[in-house]
Amino acid sequence: MKAQDILGLLGGLALFLYGMNMMSGGLEDVAGKNLEFILERLTNRKIKAIIVGILLTCIMQSSSAMTVMLIGFVNAGLMNLTRTVWVVMGANIGTTITGQMIAFDIGVFAPLLAIIGVVLIVFFSHHKLNTFGEIIAGIGILFMGLDIMSQSMLPLQSSNLFLNFMSSVSHPLLALAIGAMFTGIIQSSSASIGILQKLAMQGLVAFPQAVYFLLGFDIGTCMTAFIASSSGCRNSKRLALFHLFFNLIGAGLFIVVCQFTPIISIVAEWSPNEPMRQIANMHTLFNTVSVFVFMIIDHYVVQFIYFLLPLQSQETIK
């Protein structure tokens, strides 16, 4: 890749992250006033809390942002650890909607969406129109960033160095580790998945290989929660640990399933010749199955976290 390709890739990533942040900000502005009420009143039961986590993260388009917000509520004493754990479980399903959106590949309409959004922001003074403009422009900028990244990665198709590297990453644990490190650096599993989907579409990553990168992305995104909880209360650190265990245990179980069952082939057959959709479907399946598993074992995981971070003298279990 030439220097201009690398700059194009980084610039596209910057646009993607900015567009997602812009869209999330607009959506939060629409729903944010009632967010505290929703989280307090609708999270008193496990199933309800998981559904709330799914819906709110679909709106916010970021499980990391949702987890950081929950850490803020825990620090403020507005929610207890048990409820936030349930919401985090739902958030991991809700975040998969981004990959499904990308799989539709609506990039051809991205400039039009960006123009409409900017018009609503610049030429109207009504707050609601400005907010909807942020959402629409954010979606447009997000997909424009993806298209720029896609174009910048085209030279990789003829790069022997890159192709040799990708073919060497055949061990599931190595692919998982690389995926986790990459997402830990850029702080967005959605961006990582978008890049992976574009690489798969260009034939640079095979679907069986992409699955293990995908599992690593979900582990890497836990870094955001650890950063957010570093200066918070003890319960916020416990929540960050739960987020990590959720993805570690889920990834470990899924690796075993992938090694001993034809699940990768089955998911591939759901949408043959659509590599971006295959990745999105696997991401949704992985997180949904993980939630079902954790609905059974979440209490034991929380107990283990209390063992690692025991109660202090002034604390009580909530």
C-alpha atoms as a PDB file:
ATOM      1  CA  MET A   1       0.000   0.000   0.000  1.00  0.00           C
ATOM      2  CA  LYS A   2       1.159   3.522  -0.788  1.00  0.00           C
ATOM      3  CA  ALA A   3       1.183   6.342   1.740  1.00  0.00           C
ATOM      4  CA  GLN A   4      -1.965   7.814   0.190  1.00  0.00           C
ATOM      5  CA  ASP A   5      -3.761   4.473   0.612  1.00  0.00           C
ATOM      6  CA  ILE A   6      -2.809   4.346   4.280  1.00  0.00           C
ATOM      7  CA  LEU A   7      -3.973   7.949   4.766  1.00  0.00           C
ATOM      8  CA  GLY A   8      -7.193   7.092   2.941  1.00  0.00           C
ATOM      9  CA  LEU A   9      -7.737   4.111   5.244  1.00  0.00           C
ATOM     10  CA  LEU A  10      -7.126   6.207   8.366  1.00  0.00           C
ATOM     11  CA  GLY A  11      -9.243   9.068   7.020  1.00  0.00           C
ATOM     12  CA  GLY A  12     -12.075   6.673   6.208  1.00  0.00           C
ATOM     13  CA  LEU A  13     -11.840   5.216   9.710  1.00  0.00           C
ATOM     14  CA  ALA A  14     -11.964   8.722  11.163  1.00  0.00           C
ATOM     15  CA  LEU A  15     -15.099   9.497   9.150  1.00  0.00           C
ATOM     16  CA  PHE A  16     -16.685   6.201  10.211  1.00  0.00           C
ATOM     17  CA  LEU A  17     -16.057   6.891  13.907  1.00  0.00           C
ATOM     18  CA  TYR A  18     -17.169  10.512  13.603  1.00  0.00           C
ATOM     19  CA  GLY A  19     -20.326   9.507  11.740  1.00  0.00           C
ATOM     20  CA  MET A  20     -21.147   6.896  14.372  1.00  0.00           C
ATOM     21  CA  ASN A  21     -20.534   9.397  17.168  1.00  0.00           C
ATOM     22  CA  MET A  22     -22.697  11.980  15.401  1.00  0.00           C
ATOM     23  CA  MET A  23     -25.517   9.494  14.822  1.00  0.00           C
ATOM     24  CA  SER A  24     -25.307   8.214  18.410  1.00  0.00           C
ATOM     25  CA  GLY A  25     -25.390  11.759  19.766  1.00  0.00           C
ATOM     26  CA  GLY A  26     -28.539  12.558  17.824  1.00  0.00           C
ATOM     27  CA  LEU A  27     -30.239   9.342  18.870  1.00  0.00           C
ATOM     28  CA  GLU A  28     -29.250   9.846  22.502  1.00  0.00           C
ATOM     29  CA  ASP A  29     -30.689  13.362  22.325  1.00  0.00           C
ATOM     30  CA  VAL A  30     -34.008  11.911  21.155  1.00  0.00           C
ATOM     31  CA  ALA A  31     -34.198   9.208  23.823  1.00  0.00           C
ATOM     32  CA  GLY A  32     -31.793  10.515  26.462  1.00  0.00           C
ATOM     33  CA  LYS A  33     -34.271  12.512  28.545  1.00  0.00           C
ATOM     34  CA  ASN A  34     -36.142   9.356  29.472  1.00  0.00           C
ATOM     35  CA  LEU A  35     -33.083   7.095  29.663  1.00  0.00           C
ATOM     36  CA  GLU A  36     -32.639   7.223  33.440  1.00  0.00           C
ATOM     37  CA  PHE A  37     -36.364   6.504  33.958  1.00  0.00           C
ATOM     38  CA  ILE A  38     -36.243   3.589  31.485  1.00  0.00           C
ATOM     39  CA  LEU A  39     -33.194   2.030  33.096  1.00  0.00           C
ATOM     40  CA  GLU A  40     -34.545   2.399  36.635  1.00  0.00           C
ATOM     41  CA  ARG A  41     -38.135   1.278  36.060  1.00  0.00           C
ATOM     42  CA  LEU A  42     -37.713  -1.332  33.322  1.00  0.00           C
ATOM     43  CA  THR A  43     -34.701  -3.280  34.589  1.00  0.00           C
ATOM     44  CA  ASN A  44     -36.175  -4.939  37.669  1.00  0.00           C
ATOM     45  CA  ARG A  45     -36.449  -8.314  35.866  1.00  0.00           C
ATOM     46  CA  LYS A  46     -33.744 -10.117  33.918  1.00  0.00           C
ATOM     47  CA  ILE A  47     -35.666 -10.544  30.651  1.00  0.00           C
ATOM     48  CA  LYS A  48     -36.953  -6.958  30.752  1.00  0.00           C
ATOM     49  CA  ALA A  49     -33.457  -5.604  31.431  1.00  0.00           C
ATOM     50  CA  ILE A  50     -31.948  -7.628  28.566  1.00  0.00           C
ATOM     51  CA  ILE A  51     -34.626  -6.345  26.169  1.00  0.00           C
ATOM     52  CA  VAL A  52     -33.997  -2.776  27.355  1.00  0.00           C
ATOM     53  CA  GLY A  53     -30.264  -3.285  26.738  1.00  0.00           C
ATOM     54  CA  ILE A  54     -30.969  -4.567  23.211  1.00  0.00           C
ATOM     55  CA  LEU A  55     -33.309  -1.703  22.300  1.00  0.00           C
ATOM     56  CA  LEU A  56     -31.196   1.106  23.774  1.00  0.00           C
ATOM     57  CA  THR A  57     -28.011  -0.197  22.159  1.00  0.00           C
ATOM     58  CA  CYS A  58     -29.818  -0.504  18.804  1.00  0.00           C
ATOM     59  CA  ILE A  59     -30.594   3.190  19.227  1.00  0.00           C
ATOM     60  CA  MET A  60     -27.126   4.207  20.400  1.00  0.00           C
ATOM     61  CA  GLN A  61     -25.310   1.897  17.949  1.00  0.00           C
ATOM     62  CA  SER A  62     -22.536   1.193  20.439  1.00  0.00           C
ATOM     63  CA  SER A  63     -22.328  -1.367  23.242  1.00  0.00           C
ATOM     64  CA  SER A  64     -19.199   0.428  24.476  1.00  0.00           C
ATOM     65  CA  ALA A  65     -21.102   3.710  24.828  1.00  0.00           C
ATOM     66  CA  MET A  66     -23.943   1.871  26.558  1.00  0.00           C
ATOM     67  CA  THR A  67     -21.531   0.177  28.982  1.00  0.00           C
ATOM     68  CA  VAL A  68     -19.780   3.471  29.737  1.00  0.00           C
ATOM     69  CA  MET A  69     -23.163   5.069  30.426  1.00  0.00           C
ATOM     70  CA  LEU A  70     -24.084   2.213  32.763  1.00  0.00           C
ATOM     71  CA  ILE A  71     -20.777   2.656  34.581  1.00  0.00           C
ATOM     72  CA  GLY A  72     -21.761   6.295  35.080  1.00  0.00           C
ATOM     73  CA  PHE A  73     -25.126   5.245  36.529  1.00  0.00           C
ATOM     74  CA  VAL A  74     -23.409   2.753  38.854  1.00  0.00           C
ATOM     75  CA  ASN A  75     -20.955   5.416  40.023  1.00  0.00           C
ATOM     76  CA  ALA A  76     -23.866   7.777  40.695  1.00  0.00           C
ATOM     77  CA  GLY A  77     -25.689   5.080  42.673  1.00  0.00           C
ATOM     78  CA  LEU A  78     -28.656   5.128  40.277  1.00  0.00           C
ATOM     79  CA  MET A  79     -28.411   1.423  39.402  1.00  0.00           C
ATOM     80  CA  ASN A  80     -27.070  -1.633  41.185  1.00  0.00           C
ATOM     81  CA  LEU A  81     -24.623  -4.145  39.766  1.00  0.00           C
ATOM     82  CA  THR A  82     -27.169  -6.896  39.118  1.00  0.00           C
ATOM     83  CA  ARG A  83     -29.372  -4.725  36.911  1.00  0.00           C
ATOM     84  CA  THR A  84     -26.480  -3.279  34.954  1.00  0.00           C
ATOM     85  CA  VAL A  85     -25.146  -6.778  34.295  1.00  0.00           C
ATOM     86  CA  TRP A  86     -28.464  -7.723  32.684  1.00  0.00           C
ATOM     87  CA  VAL A  87     -28.509  -4.574  30.551  1.00  0.00           C
ATOM     88  CA  VAL A  88     -24.928  -5.217  29.397  1.00  0.00           C
ATOM     89  CA  MET A  89     -25.981  -8.687  28.254  1.00  0.00           C
ATOM     90  CA  GLY A  90     -28.690  -7.148  26.088  1.00  0.00           C
ATOM     91  CA  ALA A  91     -26.316  -4.460  24.840  1.00  0.00           C
ATOM     92  CA  ASN A  92     -24.112  -7.137  23.298  1.00  0.00           C
ATOM     93  CA  ILE A  93     -27.002  -8.249  21.098  1.00  0.00           C
ATOM     94  CA  GLY A  94     -28.065  -4.686  20.277  1.00  0.00           C
ATOM     95  CA  THR A  95     -24.626  -3.718  18.991  1.00  0.00           C
ATOM     96  CA  THR A  96     -24.819  -6.343  16.226  1.00  0.00           C
ATOM     97  CA  ILE A  97     -27.347  -4.173  14.357  1.00  0.00           C
ATOM     98  CA  THR A  98     -24.433  -2.058  13.058  1.00  0.00           C
ATOM     99  CA  GLY A  99     -22.972  -5.040  11.201  1.00  0.00           C
ATOM    100  CA  GLN A 100     -26.409  -5.843   9.786  1.00  0.00           C
ATOM    101  CA  MET A 101     -26.741  -2.253   8.557  1.00  0.00           C
ATOM    102  CA  ILE A 102     -23.329  -2.382   6.907  1.00  0.00           C
ATOM    103  CA  ALA A 103     -24.259  -5.683   5.219  1.00  0.00           C
ATOM    104  CA  PHE A 104     -27.032  -3.863   3.354  1.00  0.00           C
ATOM    105  CA  ASP A 105     -24.223  -1.851   1.708  1.00  0.00           C
ATOM    106  CA  ILE A 106     -26.237   1.352   1.282  1.00  0.00           C
ATOM    107  CA  GLY A 107     -23.050   3.327   0.622  1.00  0.00           C
ATOM    108  CA  VAL A 108     -24.396   4.471  -2.756  1.00  0.00           C
ATOM    109  CA  PHE A 109     -26.926   6.632  -0.873  1.00  0.00           C
ATOM    110  CA  ALA A 110     -24.410   7.867   1.710  1.00  0.00           C
ATOM    111  CA  PRO A 111     -23.637  11.253   0.081  1.00  0.00           C
ATOM    112  CA  LEU A 112     -27.363  11.969  -0.300  1.00  0.00           C
ATOM    113  CA  LEU A 113     -27.992  11.148   3.365  1.00  0.00           C
ATOM    114  CA  ALA A 114     -25.071  13.362   4.409  1.00  0.00           C
ATOM    115  CA  ILE A 115     -26.411  16.262   2.305  1.00  0.00           C
ATOM    116  CA  ILE A 116     -29.946  15.938   3.721  1.00  0.00           C
ATOM    117  CA  GLY A 117     -28.594  15.786   7.268  1.00  0.00           C
ATOM    118  CA  VAL A 118     -26.348  18.828   6.822  1.00  0.00           C
ATOM    119  CA  VAL A 119     -29.208  20.825   5.290  1.00  0.00           C
ATOM    120  CA  LEU A 120     -31.366  20.051   8.339  1.00  0.00           C
ATOM    121  CA  ILE A 121     -28.533  21.113  10.672  1.00  0.00           C
ATOM    122  CA  VAL A 122     -27.361  24.252   8.859  1.00  0.00           C
ATOM    123  CA  PHE A 123     -30.521  25.763   7.388  1.00  0.00           C
ATOM    124  CA  PHE A 124     -33.050  25.063  10.141  1.00  0.00           C
ATOM    125  CA  SER A 125     -33.071  26.349  13.701  1.00  0.00           C
ATOM    126  CA  HIS A 126     -35.645  23.918  15.101  1.00  0.00           C
ATOM    127  CA  HIS A 127     -33.992  21.649  17.678  1.00  0.00           C
ATOM    128  CA  LYS A 128     -35.787  18.460  16.630  1.00  0.00           C
ATOM    129  CA  LEU A 129     -34.928  19.001  12.957  1.00  0.00           C
ATOM    130  CA  ASN A 130     -31.294  19.601  13.934  1.00  0.00           C
ATOM    131  CA  THR A 131     -31.309  16.383  15.947  1.00  0.00           C
ATOM    132  CA  PHE A 132     -32.758  14.346  13.086  1.00  0.00           C
ATOM    133  CA  GLY A 133     -30.203  16.024  10.829  1.00  0.00           C
ATOM    134  CA  GLU A 134     -27.403  14.749  13.086  1.00  0.00           C
ATOM    135  CA  ILE A 135     -28.792  11.210  12.876  1.00  0.00           C
ATOM    136  CA  ILE A 136     -29.180  11.250   9.076  1.00  0.00           C
ATOM    137  CA  ALA A 137     -25.848  12.988   8.422  1.00  0.00           C
ATOM    138  CA  GLY A 138     -24.134  10.617  10.850  1.00  0.00           C
ATOM    139  CA  ILE A 139     -25.396   7.594   8.915  1.00  0.00           C
ATOM    140  CA  GLY A 140     -24.276   9.149   5.637  1.00  0.00           C
ATOM    141  CA  ILE A 141     -20.805  10.058   6.940  1.00  0.00           C
ATOM    142  CA  LEU A 142     -20.453   6.598   8.488  1.00  0.00           C
ATOM    143  CA  PHE A 143     -21.031   4.858   5.163  1.00  0.00           C
ATOM    144  CA  MET A 144     -18.893   7.376   3.258  1.00  0.00           C
ATOM    145  CA  GLY A 145     -16.066   6.514   5.642  1.00  0.00           C
ATOM    146  CA  LEU A 146     -16.614   2.811   4.945  1.00  0.00           C
ATOM    147  CA  ASP A 147     -16.478   3.406   1.192  1.00  0.00           C
ATOM    148  CA  ILE A 148     -13.230   5.375   1.522  1.00  0.00           C
ATOM    149  CA  MET A 149     -11.739   2.555   3.598  1.00  0.00           C
ATOM    150  CA  SER A 150     -12.920   0.024   1.018  1.00  0.00           C
ATOM    151  CA  GLN A 151     -11.257   1.910  -1.827  1.00  0.00           C
ATOM    152  CA  SER A 152      -8.056   2.341   0.169  1.00  0.00           C
ATOM    153  CA  MET A 153      -7.862  -1.403   0.801  1.00  0.00           C
ATOM    154  CA  LEU A 154      -8.108  -2.376  -2.889  1.00  0.00           C
ATOM    155  CA  PRO A 155      -4.291  -2.465  -3.333  1.00  0.00           C
ATOM    156  CA  LEU A 156      -4.167  -5.208  -0.688  1.00  0.00           C
ATOM    157  CA  GLN A 157      -5.670  -7.590  -3.243  1.00  0.00           C
ATOM    158  CA  SER A 158      -2.325  -7.623  -5.044  1.00  0.00           C
ATOM    159  CA  SER A 159      -0.081  -7.303  -1.990  1.00  0.00           C
ATOM    160  CA  ASN A 160       1.821 -10.550  -1.467  1.00  0.00           C
ATOM    161  CA  LEU A 161       2.939  -9.362   1.979  1.00  0.00           C
ATOM    162  CA  PHE A 162      -0.643  -8.849   3.169  1.00  0.00           C
ATOM    163  CA  LEU A 163      -1.956 -12.019   1.533  1.00  0.00           C
ATOM    164  CA  ASN A 164       0.849 -14.084   3.072  1.00  0.00           C
ATOM    165  CA  PHE A 165       0.170 -12.534   6.466  1.00  0.00           C
ATOM    166  CA  MET A 166      -3.569 -13.260   6.280  1.00  0.00           C
ATOM    167  CA  SER A 167      -2.971 -16.830   5.171  1.00  0.00           C
ATOM    168  CA  SER A 168      -0.573 -17.316   8.097  1.00  0.00           C
ATOM    169  CA  VAL A 169      -3.233 -16.240  10.612  1.00  0.00           C
ATOM    170  CA  SER A 170      -4.927 -19.618  10.465  1.00  0.00           C
ATOM    171  CA  HIS A 171      -4.923 -20.517  14.162  1.00  0.00           C
ATOM    172  CA  PRO A 172      -8.165 -19.425  15.877  1.00  0.00           C
ATOM    173  CA  LEU A 173      -6.427 -18.097  18.999  1.00  0.00           C
ATOM    174  CA  LEU A 174      -3.980 -16.014  16.946  1.00  0.00           C
ATOM    175  CA  ALA A 175      -6.813 -14.494  14.903  1.00  0.00           C
ATOM    176  CA  LEU A 176      -8.734 -13.836  18.125  1.00  0.00           C
ATOM    177  CA  ALA A 177      -5.717 -12.126  19.737  1.00  0.00           C
ATOM    178  CA  ILE A 178      -5.088  -9.925  16.683  1.00  0.00           C
ATOM    179  CA  GLY A 179      -8.769  -8.980  16.560  1.00  0.00           C
ATOM    180  CA  ALA A 180      -8.801  -8.093  20.259  1.00  0.00           C
ATOM    181  CA  MET A 181      -5.644  -5.944  19.996  1.00  0.00           C
ATOM    182  CA  PHE A 182      -6.885  -4.126  16.896  1.00  0.00           C
ATOM    183  CA  THR A 183     -10.241  -3.235  18.486  1.00  0.00           C
ATOM    184  CA  GLY A 184      -8.541  -2.322  21.762  1.00  0.00           C
ATOM    185  CA  ILE A 185      -6.488   0.235  19.826  1.00  0.00           C
ATOM    186  CA  ILE A 186      -9.266   1.842  17.749  1.00  0.00           C
ATOM    187  CA  GLN A 187     -11.865   1.514  20.561  1.00  0.00           C
ATOM    188  CA  SER A 188     -14.743   0.437  18.308  1.00  0.00           C
ATOM    189  CA  SER A 189     -15.823  -3.111  17.511  1.00  0.00           C
ATOM    190  CA  SER A 190     -18.320  -1.698  15.008  1.00  0.00           C
ATOM    191  CA  ALA A 191     -15.485  -0.077  13.041  1.00  0.00           C
ATOM    192  CA  SER A 192     -13.458  -3.302  13.231  1.00  0.00           C
ATOM    193  CA  ILE A 193     -16.390  -5.328  11.934  1.00  0.00           C
ATOM    194  CA  GLY A 194     -16.966  -2.806   9.142  1.00  0.00           C
ATOM    195  CA  ILE A 195     -13.336  -3.169   8.031  1.00  0.00           C
ATOM    196  CA  LEU A 196     -13.560  -6.962   8.272  1.00  0.00           C
ATOM    197  CA  GLN A 197     -16.744  -6.989   6.191  1.00  0.00           C
ATOM    198  CA  LYS A 198     -15.084  -4.915   3.475  1.00  0.00           C
ATOM    199  CA  LEU A 199     -12.011  -7.192   3.470  1.00  0.00           C
ATOM    200  CA  ALA A 200     -14.297 -10.221   3.154  1.00  0.00           C
ATOM    201  CA  MET A 201     -16.252  -8.600   0.327  1.00  0.00           C
ATOM    202  CA  GLN A 202     -12.993  -8.091  -1.583  1.00  0.00           C
ATOM    203  CA  GLY A 203     -12.023 -11.729  -1.043  1.00  0.00           C
ATOM    204  CA  LEU A 204      -9.102 -10.883   1.253  1.00  0.00           C
ATOM    205  CA  VAL A 205     -10.446 -12.754   4.276  1.00  0.00           C
ATOM    206  CA  ALA A 206     -12.266 -16.086   4.142  1.00  0.00           C
ATOM    207  CA  PHE A 207     -15.406 -16.414   6.265  1.00  0.00           C
ATOM    208  CA  PRO A 208     -14.061 -19.237   8.512  1.00  0.00           C
ATOM    209  CA  GLN A 209     -11.049 -17.047   9.281  1.00  0.00           C
ATOM    210  CA  ALA A 210     -13.207 -13.936   9.777  1.00  0.00           C
ATOM    211  CA  VAL A 211     -15.220 -15.682  12.512  1.00  0.00           C
ATOM    212  CA  TYR A 212     -12.236 -15.774  14.885  1.00  0.00           C
ATOM    213  CA  PHE A 213     -11.294 -12.161  14.182  1.00  0.00           C
ATOM    214  CA  LEU A 214     -14.919 -11.342  15.011  1.00  0.00           C
ATOM    215  CA  LEU A 215     -14.700 -13.032  18.397  1.00  0.00           C
ATOM    216  CA  GLY A 216     -11.532 -11.070  19.138  1.00  0.00           C
ATOM    217  CA  PHE A 217     -13.250  -7.788  18.268  1.00  0.00           C
ATOM    218  CA  ASP A 218     -15.831  -8.333  20.996  1.00  0.00           C
ATOM    219  CA  ILE A 219     -13.082  -8.984  23.539  1.00  0.00           C
ATOM    220  CA  GLY A 220     -11.116  -5.906  22.461  1.00  0.00           C
ATOM    221  CA  THR A 221     -14.100  -3.611  22.891  1.00  0.00           C
ATOM    222  CA  CYS A 222     -14.032  -4.336  26.653  1.00  0.00           C
ATOM    223  CA  MET A 223     -11.030  -2.002  26.927  1.00  0.00           C
ATOM    224  CA  THR A 224     -13.367   1.010  26.767  1.00  0.00           C
ATOM    225  CA  ALA A 225     -15.238  -0.111  29.876  1.00  0.00           C
ATOM    226  CA  PHE A 226     -11.978  -0.648  31.795  1.00  0.00           C
ATOM    227  CA  ILE A 227     -10.813   2.852  30.918  1.00  0.00           C
ATOM    228  CA  ALA A 228     -14.169   4.327  31.965  1.00  0.00           C
ATOM    229  CA  SER A 229     -14.201   2.410  35.270  1.00  0.00           C
ATOM    230  CA  SER A 230     -10.594   3.143  36.236  1.00  0.00           C
ATOM    231  CA  SER A 231     -11.514   6.178  38.328  1.00  0.00           C
ATOM    232  CA  GLY A 232     -14.957   4.929  39.347  1.00  0.00           C
ATOM    233  CA  CYS A 233     -16.375   3.061  42.312  1.00  0.00           C
ATOM    234  CA  ARG A 234     -15.741  -0.612  43.013  1.00  0.00           C
ATOM    235  CA  ASN A 235     -19.012  -1.706  41.401  1.00  0.00           C
ATOM    236  CA  SER A 236     -18.070   0.017  38.143  1.00  0.00           C
ATOM    237  CA  LYS A 237     -14.875  -2.045  38.069  1.00  0.00           C
ATOM    238  CA  ARG A 238     -16.957  -5.168  38.707  1.00  0.00           C
ATOM    239  CA  LEU A 239     -19.202  -4.248  35.769  1.00  0.00           C
ATOM    240  CA  ALA A 240     -16.168  -3.828  33.497  1.00  0.00           C
ATOM    241  CA  LEU A 241     -14.940  -7.253  34.640  1.00  0.00           C
ATOM    242  CA  PHE A 242     -18.339  -8.788  33.882  1.00  0.00           C
ATOM    243  CA  HIS A 243     -18.242  -7.308  30.377  1.00  0.00           C
ATOM    244  CA  LEU A 244     -14.831  -8.908  29.851  1.00  0.00           C
ATOM    245  CA  PHE A 245     -15.904 -12.301  31.233  1.00  0.00           C
ATOM    246  CA  PHE A 246     -19.050 -12.241  29.104  1.00  0.00           C
ATOM    247  CA  ASN A 247     -16.998 -11.923  25.924  1.00  0.00           C
ATOM    248  CA  LEU A 248     -14.123 -14.182  27.037  1.00  0.00           C
ATOM    249  CA  ILE A 249     -16.364 -17.049  28.098  1.00  0.00           C
ATOM    250  CA  GLY A 250     -18.623 -16.582  25.085  1.00  0.00           C
ATOM    251  CA  ALA A 251     -15.646 -16.565  22.707  1.00  0.00           C
ATOM    252  CA  GLY A 252     -14.116 -19.631  24.366  1.00  0.00           C
ATOM    253  CA  LEU A 253     -17.347 -21.616  24.091  1.00  0.00           C
ATOM    254  CA  PHE A 254     -17.862 -20.512  20.504  1.00  0.00           C
ATOM    255  CA  ILE A 255     -14.358 -21.547  19.466  1.00  0.00           C
ATOM    256  CA  VAL A 256     -15.081 -25.029  20.796  1.00  0.00           C
ATOM    257  CA  VAL A 257     -18.426 -25.103  18.965  1.00  0.00           C
ATOM    258  CA  CYS A 258     -16.795 -23.948  15.718  1.00  0.00           C
ATOM    259  CA  GLN A 259     -14.078 -26.587  16.002  1.00  0.00           C
ATOM    260  CA  PHE A 260     -16.401 -29.535  16.642  1.00  0.00           C
ATOM    261  CA  THR A 261     -19.591 -28.628  14.758  1.00  0.00           C
ATOM    262  CA  PRO A 262     -20.378 -27.379  11.219  1.00  0.00           C
ATOM    263  CA  ILE A 263     -21.784 -24.096  12.574  1.00  0.00           C
ATOM    264  CA  ILE A 264     -19.563 -21.958  10.306  1.00  0.00           C
ATOM    265  CA  SER A 265     -20.806 -23.787   7.200  1.00  0.00           C
ATOM    266  CA  ILE A 266     -24.399 -23.572   8.406  1.00  0.00           C
ATOM    267  CA  VAL A 267     -24.221 -19.795   8.918  1.00  0.00           C
ATOM    268  CA  ALA A 268     -22.479 -19.389   5.548  1.00  0.00           C
ATOM    269  CA  GLU A 269     -25.347 -21.221   3.863  1.00  0.00           C
ATOM    270  CA  TRP A 270     -27.882 -18.735   5.245  1.00  0.00           C
ATOM    271  CA  SER A 271     -26.538 -16.093   2.848  1.00  0.00           C
ATOM    272  CA  PRO A 272     -24.281 -17.725   0.230  1.00  0.00           C
ATOM    273  CA  ASN A 273     -22.068 -15.383  -1.813  1.00  0.00           C
ATOM    274  CA  GLU A 274     -22.742 -12.546   0.662  1.00  0.00           C
ATOM    275  CA  PRO A 275     -19.625 -12.390   2.865  1.00  0.00           C
ATOM    276  CA  MET A 276     -20.661  -9.164   4.616  1.00  0.00           C
ATOM    277  CA  ARG A 277     -24.028 -10.659   5.569  1.00  0.00           C
ATOM    278  CA  GLN A 278     -22.357 -13.881   6.735  1.00  0.00           C
ATOM    279  CA  ILE A 279     -20.147 -11.922   9.137  1.00  0.00           C
ATOM    280  CA  ALA A 280     -23.105  -9.880  10.409  1.00  0.00           C
ATOM    281  CA  ASN A 281     -25.180 -13.034  10.944  1.00  0.00           C
ATOM    282  CA  MET A 282     -22.368 -14.791  12.812  1.00  0.00           C
ATOM    283  CA  HIS A 283     -21.886 -11.749  15.050  1.00  0.00           C
ATOM    284  CA  THR A 284     -25.599 -11.697  15.895  1.00  0.00           C
ATOM    285  CA  LEU A 285     -25.664 -15.459  16.502  1.00  0.00           C
ATOM    286  CA  PHE A 286     -22.570 -15.371  18.727  1.00  0.00           C
ATOM    287  CA  ASN A 287     -23.895 -12.633  20.980  1.00  0.00           C
ATOM    288  CA  THR A 288     -27.419 -14.074  21.136  1.00  0.00           C
ATOM    289  CA  VAL A 289     -26.156 -17.528  22.137  1.00  0.00           C
ATOM    290  CA  SER A 290     -23.794 -15.952  24.689  1.00  0.00           C
ATOM    291  CA  VAL A 291     -26.716 -14.110  26.288  1.00  0.00           C
ATOM    292  CA  PHE A 292     -28.740 -17.336  26.571  1.00  0.00           C
ATOM    293  CA  VAL A 293     -25.760 -19.032  28.235  1.00  0.00           C
ATOM    294  CA  PHE A 294     -25.246 -16.128  30.641  1.00  0.00           C
ATOM    295  CA  MET A 295     -28.921 -16.039  31.574  1.00  0.00           C
ATOM    296  CA  ILE A 296     -28.123 -19.327  33.338  1.00  0.00           C
ATOM    297  CA  ILE A 297     -24.654 -18.608  34.709  1.00  0.00           C
ATOM    298  CA  ASP A 298     -24.641 -14.825  35.288  1.00  0.00           C
ATOM    299  CA  HIS A 299     -25.196 -15.238  39.051  1.00  0.00           C
ATOM    300  CA  TYR A 300     -22.129 -17.482  39.363  1.00  0.00           C
ATOM    301  CA  VAL A 301     -20.013 -15.107  37.265  1.00  0.00           C
ATOM    302  CA  VAL A 302     -21.034 -12.189  39.491  1.00  0.00           C
ATOM    303  CA  GLN A 303     -20.154 -14.252  42.590  1.00  0.00           C
ATOM    304  CA  PHE A 304     -16.710 -14.935  41.100  1.00  0.00           C
ATOM    305  CA  ILE A 305     -16.252 -11.221  40.411  1.00  0.00           C
ATOM    306  CA  TYR A 306     -17.079 -10.482  44.063  1.00  0.00           C
ATOM    307  CA  PHE A 307     -14.416 -13.050  44.954  1.00  0.00           C
ATOM    308  CA  LEU A 308     -11.874 -11.164  42.811  1.00  0.00           C
ATOM    309  CA  LEU A 309     -13.052  -7.747  44.065  1.00  0.00           C
ATOM    310  CA  PRO A 310     -14.426  -8.429  47.554  1.00  0.00           C
ATOM    311  CA  LEU A 311     -16.795  -6.131  49.398  1.00  0.00           C
ATOM    312  CA  GLN A 312     -15.172  -3.366  51.378  1.00  0.00           C
ATOM    313  CA  SER A 313     -16.300  -2.520  54.903  1.00  0.00           C
ATOM    314  CA  GLN A 314     -18.736   0.203  53.812  1.00  0.00           C
ATOM    315  CA  GLU A 315     -20.221  -1.831  50.951  1.00  0.00           C
ATOM    316  CA  THR A 316     -23.237  -4.105  50.738  1.00  0.00           C
ATOM    317  CA  ILE A 317     -24.228  -6.392  47.856  1.00  0.00           C
ATOM    318  CA  LYS A 318     -26.896  -4.811  45.657  1.00  0.00           C
END
